[in-house]
């Protein structure tokens, strides 16, 4: 990892966070040497980070292997509490799935991934995990395409330079040229829909969530299994109801701007004006903007 030259950057803190982020579903328990290899740290540095995190209660041991302890959850739940997810997002997603079935989620953009910050579901048939904190690549997801489509051109270029595009199913689009064309279509239509790209049997439609100043903050979706409905039916039946949900969430963001504030430092300069996205300053005439 490249060194950060900022004078106030604390390298030891960065290394500790890097160690914490190494643990996952694929790596639930790791030896010292495995942590060092996965984090690109020396064994001595990895050992100091692990022992510090163990002393603080974030990491435990099982013989020679290290593992996360429940205290780690305080970091993530603190964020969800700070953005008022239970008030701003969760009730509206739950009402939506109670009415139409399937599941509904809200995600934000984090580098080349989307991160779930709220989720409601009545569907136990979907295999993929979608709880708060779950991460998936941007390119094969409808929410990811919505989030990326409303970024400035420079951010989209940077994404394609960093992202690793690989086939997850035979239907996953990985051609950068085609994906760029899809992003333009998403921006023009105001929504994205996918089927069988992230995993077989999953169909979803997504809309952008804009903050009070017109910048994209998050994305919301409706998803279900393909033996219940296909992509076109999802668009026809679920998109209008999802649009109502998004409008209610956007209204809550005016009263509870914590989510907006947490994202705005990296949010795009795209603002919504007359139903379209453009690069520019936030509009001061919110009432004149049409809802996407």
Protein backbone atom coordinates (compact mmCIF):
# COMPACT_ATOMS: atom_id res chain seq x y z
CA UNK A 1 0.00 0.00 0.00
CA UNK A 2 1.29 3.47 -0.92
CA UNK A 3 2.40 5.61 1.96
CA UNK A 4 0.35 8.66 2.90
CA UNK A 5 2.53 11.77 3.16
CA UNK A 6 0.07 13.92 5.11
CA UNK A 7 1.71 15.05 8.36
CA UNK A 8 -1.31 14.20 10.52
CA UNK A 9 -1.76 10.72 9.04
CA UNK A 10 -1.29 8.06 11.75
CA UNK A 11 0.27 5.06 10.02
CA UNK A 12 -0.11 2.72 13.00
CA UNK A 13 -3.86 3.40 13.10
CA UNK A 14 -4.13 2.68 9.38
CA UNK A 15 -2.31 -0.61 9.86
CA UNK A 16 -4.61 -1.61 12.70
CA UNK A 17 -7.72 -0.88 10.63
CA UNK A 18 -6.19 -2.81 7.74
CA UNK A 19 -5.78 -5.81 10.03
CA UNK A 20 -9.41 -5.58 11.20
CA UNK A 21 -10.67 -5.46 7.62
CA UNK A 22 -8.75 -8.60 6.70
CA UNK A 23 -11.23 -10.83 8.54
CA UNK A 24 -14.26 -11.85 6.49
CA UNK A 25 -16.53 -14.74 5.60
CA UNK A 26 -13.68 -16.15 3.54
CA UNK A 27 -11.16 -15.54 6.35
CA UNK A 28 -12.99 -15.91 9.69
CA UNK A 29 -9.84 -17.03 11.53
CA UNK A 30 -6.26 -16.21 10.58
CA UNK A 31 -2.78 -17.00 11.81
CA UNK A 32 -0.19 -14.27 12.29
CA UNK A 33 1.57 -15.20 9.05
CA UNK A 34 -1.73 -15.16 7.14
CA UNK A 35 -2.59 -11.71 8.47
CA UNK A 36 0.85 -10.43 7.50
CA UNK A 37 0.51 -11.84 3.98
CA UNK A 38 -3.02 -10.54 3.42
CA UNK A 39 -2.26 -7.05 4.72
CA UNK A 40 1.19 -6.75 3.15
CA UNK A 41 2.65 -6.01 6.59
CA UNK A 42 5.79 -7.44 8.12
CA UNK A 43 5.15 -10.20 10.70
CA UNK A 44 6.46 -7.92 13.46
CA UNK A 45 4.09 -5.11 12.50
CA UNK A 46 1.14 -7.49 12.12
CA UNK A 47 1.92 -8.98 15.54
CA UNK A 48 1.90 -5.57 17.24
CA UNK A 49 -1.39 -4.63 15.57
CA UNK A 50 -3.01 -7.94 16.53
CA UNK A 51 -1.84 -7.74 20.14
CA UNK A 52 -3.06 -4.14 20.44
CA UNK A 53 -6.47 -5.02 19.01
CA UNK A 54 -6.61 -8.06 21.29
CA UNK A 55 -5.87 -5.90 24.33
CA UNK A 56 -8.65 -3.51 23.29
CA UNK A 57 -11.14 -6.38 22.95
CA UNK A 58 -11.63 -6.26 19.18
CA UNK A 59 -9.76 -9.50 18.45
CA UNK A 60 -9.60 -12.83 20.25
CA UNK A 61 -7.70 -16.09 19.82
CA UNK A 62 -8.48 -19.69 19.09
CA UNK A 63 -5.16 -21.45 19.59
CA UNK A 64 -2.76 -19.98 17.03
CA UNK A 65 -5.54 -18.33 15.10
CA UNK A 66 -6.96 -14.85 15.61
CA UNK A 67 -10.63 -13.97 15.16
CA UNK A 68 -12.93 -10.99 15.58
CA UNK A 69 -14.83 -10.40 18.80
CA UNK A 70 -18.32 -8.88 19.13
CA UNK A 71 -16.90 -5.51 20.17
CA UNK A 72 -16.09 -4.89 16.49
CA UNK A 73 -19.82 -4.46 15.85
CA UNK A 74 -19.78 -1.22 17.83
CA UNK A 75 -17.92 0.46 14.96
CA UNK A 76 -20.56 -0.39 12.35
CA UNK A 77 -23.62 0.00 14.54
CA UNK A 78 -22.33 3.38 15.65
CA UNK A 79 -22.49 4.57 12.04
CA UNK A 80 -26.01 3.19 11.50
CA UNK A 81 -27.16 4.85 14.69
CA UNK A 82 -25.50 8.15 13.76
CA UNK A 83 -27.28 8.35 10.39
CA UNK A 84 -30.66 7.44 11.98
CA UNK A 85 -31.10 4.44 9.67
CA UNK A 86 -33.89 3.04 11.85
CA UNK A 87 -35.88 6.26 11.38
CA UNK A 88 -34.87 7.51 7.94
CA UNK A 89 -34.66 4.25 5.99
CA UNK A 90 -35.87 1.07 7.66
CA UNK A 91 -39.61 1.83 8.15
CA UNK A 92 -40.11 2.73 4.51
CA UNK A 93 -38.28 -0.33 3.20
CA UNK A 94 -40.31 -2.57 5.48
CA UNK A 95 -43.60 -1.03 4.35
CA UNK A 96 -42.59 -1.58 0.74
CA UNK A 97 -41.76 -5.27 1.13
CA UNK A 98 -44.88 -5.81 3.22
CA UNK A 99 -46.87 -4.55 0.25
CA UNK A 100 -45.06 -6.17 -2.68
CA UNK A 101 -42.92 -8.95 -1.18
CA UNK A 102 -39.33 -9.72 -2.06
CA UNK A 103 -36.77 -7.43 -0.49
CA UNK A 104 -35.71 -3.80 -0.51
CA UNK A 105 -32.38 -2.21 0.42
CA UNK A 106 -30.46 1.05 0.56
CA UNK A 107 -26.75 1.20 -0.27
CA UNK A 108 -24.02 3.80 -0.56
CA UNK A 109 -20.95 3.88 -2.77
CA UNK A 110 -17.59 2.96 -1.24
CA UNK A 111 -14.78 2.93 -3.78
CA UNK A 112 -15.51 0.01 -6.16
CA UNK A 113 -18.22 -1.54 -3.95
CA UNK A 114 -21.69 -0.80 -2.73
CA UNK A 115 -22.28 -1.10 1.02
CA UNK A 116 -25.69 -1.95 2.47
CA UNK A 117 -26.90 0.38 5.21
CA UNK A 118 -30.52 -0.82 5.44
CA UNK A 119 -32.40 -3.91 4.31
CA UNK A 120 -35.87 -5.44 4.65
CA UNK A 121 -36.93 -8.80 3.27
CA UNK A 122 -39.75 -11.30 3.17
CA UNK A 123 -37.85 -13.55 0.79
CA UNK A 124 -35.82 -16.39 2.26
CA UNK A 125 -35.02 -17.87 -1.15
CA UNK A 126 -32.30 -15.37 -2.06
CA UNK A 127 -28.91 -16.85 -1.22
CA UNK A 128 -26.88 -13.65 -1.14
CA UNK A 129 -26.36 -11.85 2.16
CA UNK A 130 -27.78 -8.33 2.15
CA UNK A 131 -27.65 -7.20 5.76
CA UNK A 132 -26.20 -3.89 6.88
CA UNK A 133 -22.49 -3.84 6.14
CA UNK A 134 -22.66 -6.35 3.28
CA UNK A 135 -20.60 -5.39 0.25
CA UNK A 136 -20.92 -6.23 -3.43
CA UNK A 137 -19.20 -4.98 -6.58
CA UNK A 138 -20.72 -1.98 -8.33
CA UNK A 139 -20.83 -3.23 -11.92
CA UNK A 140 -23.19 -6.27 -11.66
CA UNK A 141 -25.77 -4.62 -9.35
CA UNK A 142 -28.62 -2.27 -10.16
CA UNK A 143 -27.88 -0.08 -7.14
CA UNK A 144 -24.21 0.05 -8.07
CA UNK A 145 -25.03 1.18 -11.59
CA UNK A 146 -27.35 3.89 -10.27
CA UNK A 147 -24.73 5.13 -7.81
CA UNK A 148 -21.98 5.17 -10.44
CA UNK A 149 -24.11 6.64 -13.22
CA UNK A 150 -24.61 9.90 -11.31
CA UNK A 151 -20.92 10.41 -10.57
CA UNK A 152 -18.83 12.92 -12.53
CA UNK A 153 -16.94 11.62 -15.56
CA UNK A 154 -13.62 11.70 -13.71
CA UNK A 155 -14.98 9.43 -10.98
CA UNK A 156 -16.37 6.99 -13.54
CA UNK A 157 -13.00 6.90 -15.31
CA UNK A 158 -11.26 6.26 -11.99
CA UNK A 159 -13.68 3.46 -11.22
CA UNK A 160 -12.90 1.59 -14.42
CA UNK A 161 -9.19 1.98 -13.76
CA UNK A 162 -9.51 0.33 -10.32
CA UNK A 163 -12.37 -2.13 -10.65
CA UNK A 164 -11.78 -5.78 -11.34
CA UNK A 165 -14.50 -6.85 -13.77
CA UNK A 166 -15.11 -10.59 -13.76
CA UNK A 167 -17.95 -12.87 -14.72
CA UNK A 168 -20.15 -13.86 -11.78
CA UNK A 169 -22.68 -15.57 -14.05
CA UNK A 170 -22.83 -16.10 -17.80
CA UNK A 171 -25.00 -12.96 -17.97
CA UNK A 172 -22.64 -10.63 -16.07
CA UNK A 173 -21.59 -7.71 -18.25
CA UNK A 174 -17.85 -7.06 -17.91
CA UNK A 175 -17.03 -5.12 -21.08
CA UNK A 176 -16.08 -1.57 -19.97
CA UNK A 177 -17.38 -0.06 -23.21
CA UNK A 178 -20.77 -1.70 -22.79
CA UNK A 179 -20.90 -0.82 -19.09
CA UNK A 180 -20.22 2.82 -19.86
CA UNK A 181 -23.06 2.79 -22.36
CA UNK A 182 -25.33 1.20 -19.73
CA UNK A 183 -24.39 3.93 -17.24
CA UNK A 184 -25.39 6.62 -19.75
CA UNK A 185 -28.73 4.89 -20.25
CA UNK A 186 -29.25 4.66 -16.49
CA UNK A 187 -28.55 8.36 -16.08
CA UNK A 188 -30.98 9.20 -18.90
CA UNK A 189 -33.78 6.93 -17.64
CA UNK A 190 -33.21 7.59 -13.95
CA UNK A 191 -33.22 3.93 -12.91
CA UNK A 192 -31.35 0.65 -13.39
CA UNK A 193 -32.58 -2.93 -13.63
CA UNK A 194 -30.66 -6.20 -13.79
CA UNK A 195 -31.41 -9.91 -13.96
CA UNK A 196 -29.06 -12.86 -13.35
CA UNK A 197 -25.91 -10.70 -13.34
CA UNK A 198 -24.92 -10.73 -9.68
CA UNK A 199 -26.24 -14.26 -9.19
CA UNK A 200 -28.64 -16.58 -10.97
CA UNK A 201 -32.28 -16.14 -10.08
CA UNK A 202 -32.04 -12.55 -8.82
CA UNK A 203 -33.82 -9.62 -10.45
CA UNK A 204 -33.83 -6.04 -9.18
CA UNK A 205 -34.66 -2.45 -10.03
CA UNK A 206 -33.06 0.59 -8.38
CA UNK A 207 -33.47 4.34 -8.07
CA UNK A 208 -31.12 7.07 -6.88
CA UNK A 209 -31.75 8.81 -3.57
CA UNK A 210 -30.90 12.50 -3.73
CA UNK A 211 -30.15 14.79 -0.82
CA UNK A 212 -31.71 18.21 -0.23
CA UNK A 213 -29.11 19.87 -2.47
CA UNK A 214 -29.73 17.52 -5.39
CA UNK A 215 -26.59 15.39 -5.07
CA UNK A 216 -26.89 11.63 -5.11
CA UNK A 217 -26.55 10.20 -1.62
CA UNK A 218 -27.56 6.55 -1.91
CA UNK A 219 -29.56 4.08 -3.97
CA UNK A 220 -32.64 2.01 -3.13
CA UNK A 221 -33.86 -1.16 -4.78
CA UNK A 222 -36.58 -3.75 -4.99
CA UNK A 223 -35.35 -7.28 -5.61
CA UNK A 224 -36.91 -10.69 -5.96
CA UNK A 225 -36.39 -14.10 -7.50
CA UNK A 226 -36.90 -14.70 -11.20
CA UNK A 227 -39.40 -17.51 -10.72
CA UNK A 228 -41.79 -14.83 -9.43
CA UNK A 229 -41.19 -12.08 -11.98
CA UNK A 230 -38.72 -11.06 -14.66
CA UNK A 231 -36.89 -7.80 -15.29
CA UNK A 232 -39.61 -6.15 -17.36
CA UNK A 233 -42.32 -7.09 -14.87
CA UNK A 234 -40.15 -5.77 -12.05
CA UNK A 235 -39.87 -2.42 -13.83
CA UNK A 236 -43.56 -2.25 -14.59
CA UNK A 237 -44.90 -3.32 -11.19
CA UNK A 238 -42.28 -2.43 -8.60
CA UNK A 239 -40.65 0.71 -9.96
CA UNK A 240 -43.65 3.03 -9.31
CA UNK A 241 -43.91 1.85 -5.70
CA UNK A 242 -40.17 2.09 -5.20
CA UNK A 243 -40.33 5.67 -6.49
CA UNK A 244 -42.88 6.52 -3.79
CA UNK A 245 -40.60 4.99 -1.15
CA UNK A 246 -37.61 6.97 -2.38
CA UNK A 247 -39.60 10.20 -2.24
CA UNK A 248 -40.51 9.51 1.38
CA UNK A 249 -36.88 8.78 2.24
CA UNK A 250 -35.75 11.97 0.52
CA UNK A 251 -38.28 13.87 2.61
CA UNK A 252 -36.80 12.37 5.77
CA UNK A 253 -33.31 13.39 4.70
CA UNK A 254 -34.37 17.02 4.94
CA UNK A 255 -35.27 16.50 8.61
CA UNK A 256 -32.41 14.11 9.37
CA UNK A 257 -29.41 15.11 7.21
CA UNK A 258 -26.84 12.89 8.94
CA UNK A 259 -26.65 10.41 6.06
CA UNK A 260 -26.29 13.26 3.58
CA UNK A 261 -23.52 14.82 5.63
CA UNK A 262 -21.64 11.54 5.92
CA UNK A 263 -21.64 11.02 2.17
CA UNK A 264 -21.30 14.58 0.86
CA UNK A 265 -17.54 14.75 1.31
CA UNK A 266 -17.22 12.16 -1.45
CA UNK A 267 -20.52 12.75 -3.22
CA UNK A 268 -20.65 13.65 -6.88
CA UNK A 269 -21.25 17.13 -8.22
CA UNK A 270 -24.20 15.87 -10.19
CA UNK A 271 -27.39 17.63 -9.22
CA UNK A 272 -30.88 16.94 -10.38
CA UNK A 273 -32.56 19.62 -12.43
CA UNK A 274 -35.81 19.15 -14.32
CA UNK A 275 -35.54 15.41 -13.88
CA UNK A 276 -32.04 15.17 -15.35
CA UNK A 277 -28.58 14.96 -13.84
CA UNK A 278 -26.00 17.60 -14.61
CA UNK A 279 -22.64 18.74 -13.30
CA UNK A 280 -22.88 21.98 -11.41
CA UNK A 281 -23.72 23.73 -8.18
CA UNK A 282 -26.61 22.63 -5.92
CA UNK A 283 -29.93 24.01 -7.06
CA UNK A 284 -31.57 26.52 -4.74
CA UNK A 285 -35.00 25.96 -6.24
CA UNK A 286 -35.76 22.49 -4.92
CA UNK A 287 -39.45 22.79 -5.63
CA UNK A 288 -38.84 23.16 -9.35
CA UNK A 289 -36.92 19.89 -9.67
CA UNK A 290 -38.83 16.87 -10.83
CA UNK A 291 -38.42 13.63 -8.98
CA UNK A 292 -36.45 10.94 -10.76
